[in-house]
Amino acid sequence: MSDGIMSKAATMEIPISSNGDTGSLPEDDGLEQDLQQVMVSGPNLNETSIVSGGYGGTAEGIIPTNTMKGCLVQPHAARGASSVCPSAAAARRMANPDQAAGSGLHQAHPSPAGGGEEIVRGIAVEKFDIVKKWGINTYKCTKQLISERFGRGSRTVDLELETQIELLRETKRKYESVLQLARALTSHFYSLVQTQHALGDAFADLSQKSPELQEEFGYNAETQKLLCKNGETLLGAVNFFVSSINTLVNKTMEDTLMTVKQYETARLEYDAYRTDLEELSMGPRDAGTLSRLDAAQSHFQSHKDKYEKLRADVAIKLKFLEENKVKVMHKQLLLFHNAISAYFAGNQQQLEQTLRQFNIKLKPPGAEKPSWLEEQ
């Protein structure tokens, strides 16, 4: 079949105009389909013929390729005939006509990177939507905040809850002041204990080197050592007091205030979308406004639910915080009072009993911070 197709294509006359343009070809649907089939399946070089000739070459110039040796010379050449020496490139093109036909005749194959591009495009669209929603929400909240500051916008207020929140903030400020003073007391008292320890060592050394004052230096050294020991016991109690107040202020109260901040943000968003819904409700009711009104109603309801949930969370945390604060401070204030009283009264037994009562364990006098290997 391929021999007949190529022979038919070779014997067609292609008229050339004077300016070199090709004229109209006679329509032959069968030839066109055959050529397409050849381009797809590929010819067999053993059955293909090569035409050599001028403008009006005839079928006499057809030479079977299985008889070619070297240069091809047409024995019965028409006018303008010449010898044909097929090159290696021409032979490759003939052997693979799909490649020689150009990229326009190749079948389109889907790119393996197409799926990846779709995924990247989807991620980009998702991020754009997130930024868009964030921008709209920020704009509405900023507008509501400015309106409240200038007294033009309405604000949702829970008087009882707002009072409790303000009381918590005031209590936290006062407890922070107590914590700062207690740390200063610990620092100064630690310096006092170190000084007493050094003074006791100095008295003990002088009692050995001054025989005439050995007794006086001796009992002063014993007194300073006793004060130093009691001071270390008192430091243990004060450090426990400071640690407990620090946990109450910077963890328990701070956690509640973080929930309060989330509640206040939710309240601002709730008021912003409530104002937006009210403005749309007062406007004209056309098709576009109705769709925007439905969307605004949906956003308002979601922010209302969030606001009410956080308001309930804040109320519960404030209640538990108050109960926890009373328990912790009752214990710590009793510890602080008993330890200070026993120390300045010189009652060593009562001071040690106070530490046992509150399960406070002191480190040995020479104990240092464990090394990083021991902490692993």
Protein backbone atom coordinates (compact mmCIF):
# COMPACT_ATOMS: atom_id res chain seq x y z
CA MET A 1 0.00 0.00 0.00
CA SER A 2 2.84 2.40 0.84
CA ASP A 3 4.40 1.84 -2.67
CA GLY A 4 1.17 2.82 -4.37
CA ILE A 5 0.69 5.87 -2.13
CA MET A 6 4.19 7.23 -2.72
CA SER A 7 3.97 6.50 -6.50
CA LYS A 8 0.68 8.34 -6.69
CA ALA A 9 2.13 11.32 -4.81
CA ALA A 10 5.23 11.32 -7.03
CA THR A 11 3.34 11.35 -10.36
CA MET A 12 1.17 14.35 -9.45
CA GLU A 13 1.92 17.48 -11.37
CA ILE A 14 2.41 20.57 -9.23
CA PRO A 15 2.05 23.67 -11.42
CA ILE A 16 4.42 26.51 -10.58
CA SER A 17 3.47 30.09 -11.36
CA SER A 18 5.89 32.59 -12.77
CA ASN A 19 6.57 34.14 -9.38
CA GLY A 20 7.29 30.80 -7.71
CA ASP A 21 3.90 30.39 -5.90
CA THR A 22 2.17 27.04 -6.07
CA GLY A 23 -1.14 26.91 -7.84
CA SER A 24 -4.25 25.21 -6.56
CA LEU A 25 -3.87 21.45 -6.20
CA PRO A 26 -6.59 19.15 -7.50
CA GLU A 27 -8.66 17.87 -4.61
CA ASP A 28 -8.04 14.23 -3.86
CA ASP A 29 -9.50 13.13 -0.50
CA GLY A 30 -8.15 9.63 -0.86
CA LEU A 31 -4.61 10.89 -1.30
CA GLU A 32 -4.86 13.14 1.72
CA GLN A 33 -6.06 10.29 3.92
CA ASP A 34 -3.35 8.02 2.64
CA LEU A 35 -0.66 10.59 3.32
CA GLN A 36 -1.92 11.03 6.85
CA GLN A 37 -1.81 7.28 7.36
CA VAL A 38 1.75 7.16 6.11
CA MET A 39 2.77 9.98 8.43
CA VAL A 40 1.31 8.11 11.38
CA SER A 41 2.51 4.58 10.62
CA GLY A 42 5.80 5.45 8.94
CA PRO A 43 7.07 4.12 5.60
CA ASN A 44 9.21 1.06 4.93
CA LEU A 45 12.45 2.06 3.22
CA ASN A 46 12.60 -1.27 1.37
CA GLU A 47 9.37 -0.47 -0.46
CA THR A 48 9.72 3.30 -0.87
CA SER A 49 10.66 4.97 -4.16
CA ILE A 50 12.53 8.23 -4.71
CA VAL A 51 11.59 10.63 -7.47
CA SER A 52 14.25 12.65 -9.26
CA GLY A 53 13.20 15.11 -11.89
CA GLY A 54 12.45 18.63 -12.87
CA TYR A 55 9.20 20.48 -12.93
CA GLY A 56 7.31 17.92 -15.00
CA GLY A 57 8.91 14.68 -13.90
CA THR A 58 7.13 11.50 -15.03
CA ALA A 59 6.81 8.07 -13.56
CA GLU A 60 9.89 6.97 -15.51
CA GLY A 61 12.06 8.67 -12.87
CA ILE A 62 10.91 6.31 -10.07
CA ILE A 63 13.78 4.20 -8.73
CA PRO A 64 13.27 1.48 -6.09
CA THR A 65 15.39 2.15 -2.98
CA ASN A 66 16.46 -1.47 -2.66
CA THR A 67 18.53 -1.06 -5.84
CA MET A 68 20.30 2.18 -4.78
CA LYS A 69 24.07 2.08 -4.56
CA GLY A 70 25.86 5.34 -4.00
CA CYS A 71 24.57 8.25 -6.09
CA LEU A 72 21.33 7.78 -7.95
CA VAL A 73 21.42 8.59 -11.69
CA GLN A 74 18.12 8.69 -13.56
CA PRO A 75 18.51 6.67 -16.82
CA HIS A 76 15.56 8.31 -18.60
CA ALA A 77 15.67 11.80 -17.17
CA ALA A 78 13.20 14.44 -18.22
CA ARG A 79 14.22 17.96 -18.94
CA GLY A 80 16.29 19.55 -16.18
CA ALA A 81 16.97 16.16 -14.60
CA SER A 82 19.99 15.75 -12.35
CA SER A 83 21.61 13.07 -10.26
CA VAL A 84 20.43 12.63 -6.64
CA CYS A 85 22.78 11.64 -3.82
CA PRO A 86 20.70 11.15 -0.68
CA SER A 87 22.50 12.27 2.48
CA ALA A 88 22.42 10.53 5.86
CA ALA A 89 20.15 13.24 7.25
CA ALA A 90 17.71 12.73 4.37
CA ALA A 91 17.70 8.99 4.98
CA ARG A 92 16.95 9.57 8.71
CA ARG A 93 14.08 11.89 7.81
CA MET A 94 12.73 9.30 5.42
CA ALA A 95 13.03 6.56 8.02
CA ASN A 96 11.20 8.68 10.65
CA PRO A 97 8.71 10.91 8.86
CA ASP A 98 6.98 11.82 12.16
CA GLN A 99 10.12 13.70 13.24
CA ALA A 100 10.63 15.26 9.77
CA ALA A 101 7.01 16.42 9.56
CA GLY A 102 7.60 18.95 12.34
CA SER A 103 6.07 19.58 15.70
CA GLY A 104 2.77 20.61 14.11
CA LEU A 105 1.91 16.99 13.15
CA HIS A 106 2.82 15.43 16.50
CA GLN A 107 0.02 14.42 18.80
CA ALA A 108 -0.26 16.58 21.89
CA HIS A 109 0.76 14.71 25.01
CA PRO A 110 -0.26 16.05 28.41
CA SER A 111 2.63 17.53 30.34
CA PRO A 112 3.47 15.62 33.53
CA ALA A 113 3.95 18.98 35.28
CA GLY A 114 0.34 19.98 34.54
CA GLY A 115 -0.96 18.39 37.74
CA GLY A 116 1.68 20.17 39.82
CA GLU A 117 0.79 23.50 38.24
CA GLU A 118 -2.86 22.96 39.12
CA ILE A 119 -1.94 22.22 42.75
CA VAL A 120 0.24 25.34 42.97
CA ARG A 121 -2.52 27.42 41.42
CA GLY A 122 -5.04 26.03 43.92
CA ILE A 123 -2.77 26.85 46.86
CA ALA A 124 -2.24 30.38 45.55
CA VAL A 125 -5.99 30.92 45.19
CA GLU A 126 -6.58 29.61 48.70
CA LYS A 127 -3.95 31.94 50.16
CA PHE A 128 -5.41 34.86 48.24
CA ASP A 129 -8.85 34.11 49.71
CA ILE A 130 -7.40 34.00 53.21
CA VAL A 131 -5.65 37.35 52.75
CA LYS A 132 -8.82 38.81 51.25
CA LYS A 133 -10.97 37.70 54.20
CA TRP A 134 -8.36 38.96 56.65
CA GLY A 135 -8.27 42.34 54.92
CA ILE A 136 -12.05 42.72 54.96
CA ASN A 137 -12.25 41.70 58.63
CA THR A 138 -9.43 44.08 59.60
CA TYR A 139 -11.07 46.95 57.75
CA LYS A 140 -14.44 46.39 59.46
CA CYS A 141 -12.87 46.07 62.93
CA THR A 142 -10.69 49.15 62.45
CA LYS A 143 -13.70 51.14 61.31
CA GLN A 144 -15.69 49.99 64.34
CA LEU A 145 -12.82 50.78 66.74
CA ILE A 146 -12.41 54.30 65.36
CA SER A 147 -16.16 54.87 65.55
CA GLU A 148 -16.16 53.81 69.21
CA ARG A 149 -13.19 56.04 70.05
CA PHE A 150 -14.86 59.08 68.53
CA GLY A 151 -18.23 58.26 70.05
CA ARG A 152 -20.00 57.59 66.75
CA GLY A 153 -20.50 53.86 67.00
CA SER A 154 -22.42 51.69 69.48
CA ARG A 155 -20.61 49.20 71.68
CA THR A 156 -21.86 46.02 73.32
CA VAL A 157 -21.19 46.14 77.07
CA ASP A 158 -21.63 43.51 79.78
CA LEU A 159 -21.40 45.66 82.91
CA GLU A 160 -20.92 42.83 85.40
CA LEU A 161 -18.26 41.09 83.34
CA GLU A 162 -16.45 44.34 82.51
CA THR A 163 -16.29 45.17 86.23
CA GLN A 164 -14.77 41.79 87.05
CA ILE A 165 -12.20 42.15 84.27
CA GLU A 166 -11.14 45.59 85.45
CA LEU A 167 -10.86 44.29 89.01
CA LEU A 168 -8.66 41.43 87.81
CA ARG A 169 -6.31 43.84 86.02
CA GLU A 170 -6.06 46.02 89.10
CA THR A 171 -5.40 42.99 91.31
CA LYS A 172 -2.70 41.80 88.95
CA ARG A 173 -0.94 45.17 89.09
CA LYS A 174 -0.94 45.12 92.90
CA TYR A 175 0.26 41.53 93.06
CA GLU A 176 3.07 42.37 90.66
CA SER A 177 4.14 45.13 93.04
CA VAL A 178 4.11 42.69 95.99
CA LEU A 179 6.13 40.22 93.93
CA GLN A 180 8.72 42.84 93.08
CA LEU A 181 9.11 43.86 96.74
CA ALA A 182 9.35 40.23 97.87
CA ARG A 183 12.13 39.62 95.35
CA ALA A 184 13.96 42.70 96.59
CA LEU A 185 13.62 41.42 100.18
CA THR A 186 15.01 38.05 99.12
CA SER A 187 17.97 39.66 97.37
CA HIS A 188 18.83 41.92 100.33
CA PHE A 189 18.35 39.18 102.89
CA TYR A 190 20.56 36.84 100.88
CA SER A 191 23.29 39.48 100.98
CA LEU A 192 22.77 39.79 104.76
CA VAL A 193 23.12 36.02 105.24
CA GLN A 194 26.30 35.95 103.15
CA THR A 195 27.71 38.80 105.20
CA GLN A 196 26.87 37.04 108.45
CA HIS A 197 28.55 33.90 107.18
CA ALA A 198 31.72 35.79 106.28
CA LEU A 199 31.65 37.62 109.63
CA GLY A 200 31.32 34.36 111.54
CA ASP A 201 34.32 32.91 109.70
CA ALA A 202 36.33 36.02 110.51
CA PHE A 203 35.44 35.80 114.22
CA ALA A 204 36.34 32.12 114.32
CA ASP A 205 39.72 32.81 112.70
CA LEU A 206 40.48 35.62 115.13
CA SER A 207 39.54 33.44 118.10
CA GLN A 208 42.34 31.08 117.10
CA LYS A 209 44.90 33.82 116.61
CA SER A 210 44.02 36.00 119.62
CA PRO A 211 44.36 33.97 122.85
CA GLU A 212 43.45 36.95 125.05
CA LEU A 213 40.10 37.41 123.15
CA GLN A 214 39.48 33.82 122.21
CA GLU A 215 36.31 33.48 124.29
CA GLU A 216 34.74 36.73 123.04
CA PHE A 217 35.51 36.00 119.39
CA GLY A 218 34.28 32.46 119.86
CA TYR A 219 30.74 33.17 121.08
CA ASN A 220 30.33 35.94 118.48
CA ALA A 221 31.32 33.47 115.80
CA GLU A 222 28.75 30.99 117.13
CA THR A 223 26.05 33.68 117.15
CA GLN A 224 26.72 34.67 113.54
CA LYS A 225 26.70 31.05 112.43
CA LEU A 226 23.36 30.50 114.16
CA LEU A 227 21.91 33.63 112.56
CA CYS A 228 23.25 32.49 109.21
CA LYS A 229 21.59 29.11 109.59
CA ASN A 230 18.26 30.64 110.58
CA GLY A 231 18.62 33.12 107.73
CA GLU A 232 19.02 30.31 105.22
CA THR A 233 15.89 28.68 106.62
CA LEU A 234 13.98 31.95 106.30
CA LEU A 235 15.30 32.37 102.74
CA GLY A 236 13.80 28.98 101.87
CA ALA A 237 10.39 30.13 103.11
CA VAL A 238 10.58 33.49 101.34
CA ASN A 239 11.72 31.89 98.09
CA PHE A 240 8.73 29.53 98.24
CA PHE A 241 6.47 32.53 98.82
CA VAL A 242 7.96 34.36 95.82
CA SER A 243 7.67 31.31 93.58
CA SER A 244 4.01 30.80 94.43
CA ILE A 245 3.12 34.47 93.88
CA ASN A 246 5.00 34.42 90.56
CA THR A 247 3.00 31.38 89.40
CA LEU A 248 -0.26 33.02 90.42
CA VAL A 249 0.51 36.34 88.71
CA ASN A 250 2.42 35.37 85.57
CA LYS A 251 0.69 32.09 84.74
CA THR A 252 -2.78 31.80 86.27
CA MET A 253 -3.81 35.45 85.98
CA GLU A 254 -2.03 35.86 82.66
CA ASP A 255 -3.87 32.87 81.20
CA THR A 256 -7.20 34.39 82.22
CA LEU A 257 -6.23 37.74 80.73
CA MET A 258 -5.31 36.06 77.45
CA THR A 259 -8.85 34.70 77.29
CA VAL A 260 -10.11 38.20 78.12
CA LYS A 261 -8.16 39.61 75.16
CA GLN A 262 -9.72 37.01 72.86
CA TYR A 263 -13.12 37.94 74.25
CA GLU A 264 -12.54 41.64 73.60
CA THR A 265 -11.43 40.92 70.03
CA ALA A 266 -14.54 38.80 69.48
CA ARG A 267 -16.68 41.59 70.93
CA LEU A 268 -15.16 44.10 68.50
CA GLU A 269 -15.74 41.78 65.53
CA TYR A 270 -19.30 41.12 66.69
CA ASP A 271 -20.07 44.84 66.88
CA ALA A 272 -18.39 45.49 63.51
CA TYR A 273 -20.50 42.89 61.69
CA ARG A 274 -23.60 43.93 63.62
CA THR A 275 -23.13 47.51 62.43
CA ASP A 276 -22.55 46.28 58.88
CA LEU A 277 -25.76 44.25 59.00
CA GLU A 278 -27.73 47.21 60.36
CA GLU A 279 -26.48 49.47 57.59
CA LEU A 280 -27.41 46.95 54.89
CA SER A 281 -30.85 46.42 56.46
CA MET A 282 -31.58 50.13 56.23
CA GLY A 283 -30.64 50.29 52.52
CA PRO A 284 -32.69 49.49 49.39
CA ARG A 285 -33.81 45.88 48.82
CA ASP A 286 -32.68 44.96 45.31
CA ALA A 287 -31.27 41.64 44.10
CA GLY A 288 -27.64 42.57 44.80
CA THR A 289 -28.43 43.96 48.24
CA LEU A 290 -30.39 40.85 49.23
CA SER A 291 -27.45 38.58 48.48
CA ARG A 292 -25.11 40.85 50.44
CA LEU A 293 -27.64 40.96 53.26
CA ASP A 294 -27.73 37.17 53.47
CA ALA A 295 -23.93 37.00 53.57
CA ALA A 296 -23.81 39.72 56.25
CA GLN A 297 -26.42 37.86 58.31
CA SER A 298 -24.35 34.66 58.12
CA HIS A 299 -21.15 36.45 59.18
CA PHE A 300 -22.95 38.24 61.98
CA GLN A 301 -24.37 34.99 63.36
CA SER A 302 -20.97 33.24 63.32
CA HIS A 303 -19.30 36.14 65.16
CA LYS A 304 -22.19 36.33 67.61
CA ASP A 305 -21.76 32.66 68.50
CA LYS A 306 -18.00 33.17 68.94
CA TYR A 307 -18.58 36.22 71.14
CA GLU A 308 -21.09 34.46 73.40
CA LYS A 309 -18.83 31.40 73.77
CA LEU A 310 -15.82 33.49 74.79
CA ARG A 311 -17.94 35.54 77.17
CA ALA A 312 -19.00 32.35 78.94
CA ASP A 313 -15.36 31.14 79.02
CA VAL A 314 -14.21 34.40 80.60
CA ALA A 315 -16.93 34.25 83.27
CA ILE A 316 -15.95 30.68 84.21
CA LYS A 317 -12.22 31.46 84.31
CA LEU A 318 -12.77 34.54 86.46
CA LYS A 319 -14.75 32.46 88.94
CA PHE A 320 -12.12 29.73 89.19
CA LEU A 321 -9.31 32.28 89.36
CA GLU A 322 -10.91 34.01 92.34
CA GLU A 323 -11.29 30.71 94.20
CA ASN A 324 -7.73 29.65 93.40
CA LYS A 325 -6.34 33.04 94.39
CA VAL A 326 -7.96 32.89 97.83
CA LYS A 327 -6.61 29.40 98.52
CA VAL A 328 -3.08 30.18 97.37
CA MET A 329 -2.79 33.52 99.13
CA HIS A 330 -4.23 32.15 102.39
CA LYS A 331 -1.49 29.52 102.48
CA GLN A 332 1.33 31.81 101.38
CA LEU A 333 0.46 34.69 103.71
CA LEU A 334 0.32 32.30 106.66
CA LEU A 335 3.71 30.88 105.70
CA PHE A 336 5.27 34.31 105.32
CA HIS A 337 3.94 35.53 108.66
CA ASN A 338 5.00 32.48 110.68
CA ALA A 339 8.48 32.35 109.12
CA ILE A 340 9.24 36.05 109.64
CA SER A 341 7.91 36.00 113.21
CA ALA A 342 9.90 32.92 114.18
CA TYR A 343 13.11 34.26 112.66
CA PHE A 344 13.09 37.64 114.36
CA ALA A 345 11.94 36.06 117.61
CA GLY A 346 14.97 33.79 117.46
CA ASN A 347 12.76 30.72 117.66
CA GLN A 348 14.67 28.24 115.58
CA GLN A 349 12.36 25.32 116.35
CA GLN A 350 9.23 27.21 115.29
CA LEU A 351 10.97 28.33 112.08
CA GLU A 352 11.89 24.78 111.18
CA GLN A 353 8.38 23.60 112.09
CA THR A 354 6.90 26.20 109.75
CA LEU A 355 8.92 24.82 106.83
CA ARG A 356 7.85 21.27 107.65
CA GLN A 357 4.24 22.41 107.86
CA PHE A 358 4.33 23.71 104.29
CA ASN A 359 6.51 20.86 102.96
CA ILE A 360 9.45 23.11 102.12
CA LYS A 361 12.76 21.33 101.69
CA LEU A 362 15.99 23.28 101.97
CA LYS A 363 19.07 22.54 99.91
CA PRO A 364 22.22 21.53 101.77
CA PRO A 365 24.52 24.49 102.56
CA GLY A 366 27.09 23.56 99.92
CA ALA A 367 24.58 22.47 97.26
CA GLU A 368 25.12 24.07 93.88
CA LYS A 369 23.05 24.01 90.73
CA PRO A 370 23.35 20.60 89.02
CA SER A 371 25.49 20.40 85.93
CA TRP A 372 23.98 20.08 82.49
CA LEU A 373 24.89 16.38 82.46
CA GLU A 374 22.84 15.77 85.60
CA GLU A 375 19.88 17.68 84.16
CA GLN A 376 19.72 15.46 81.05
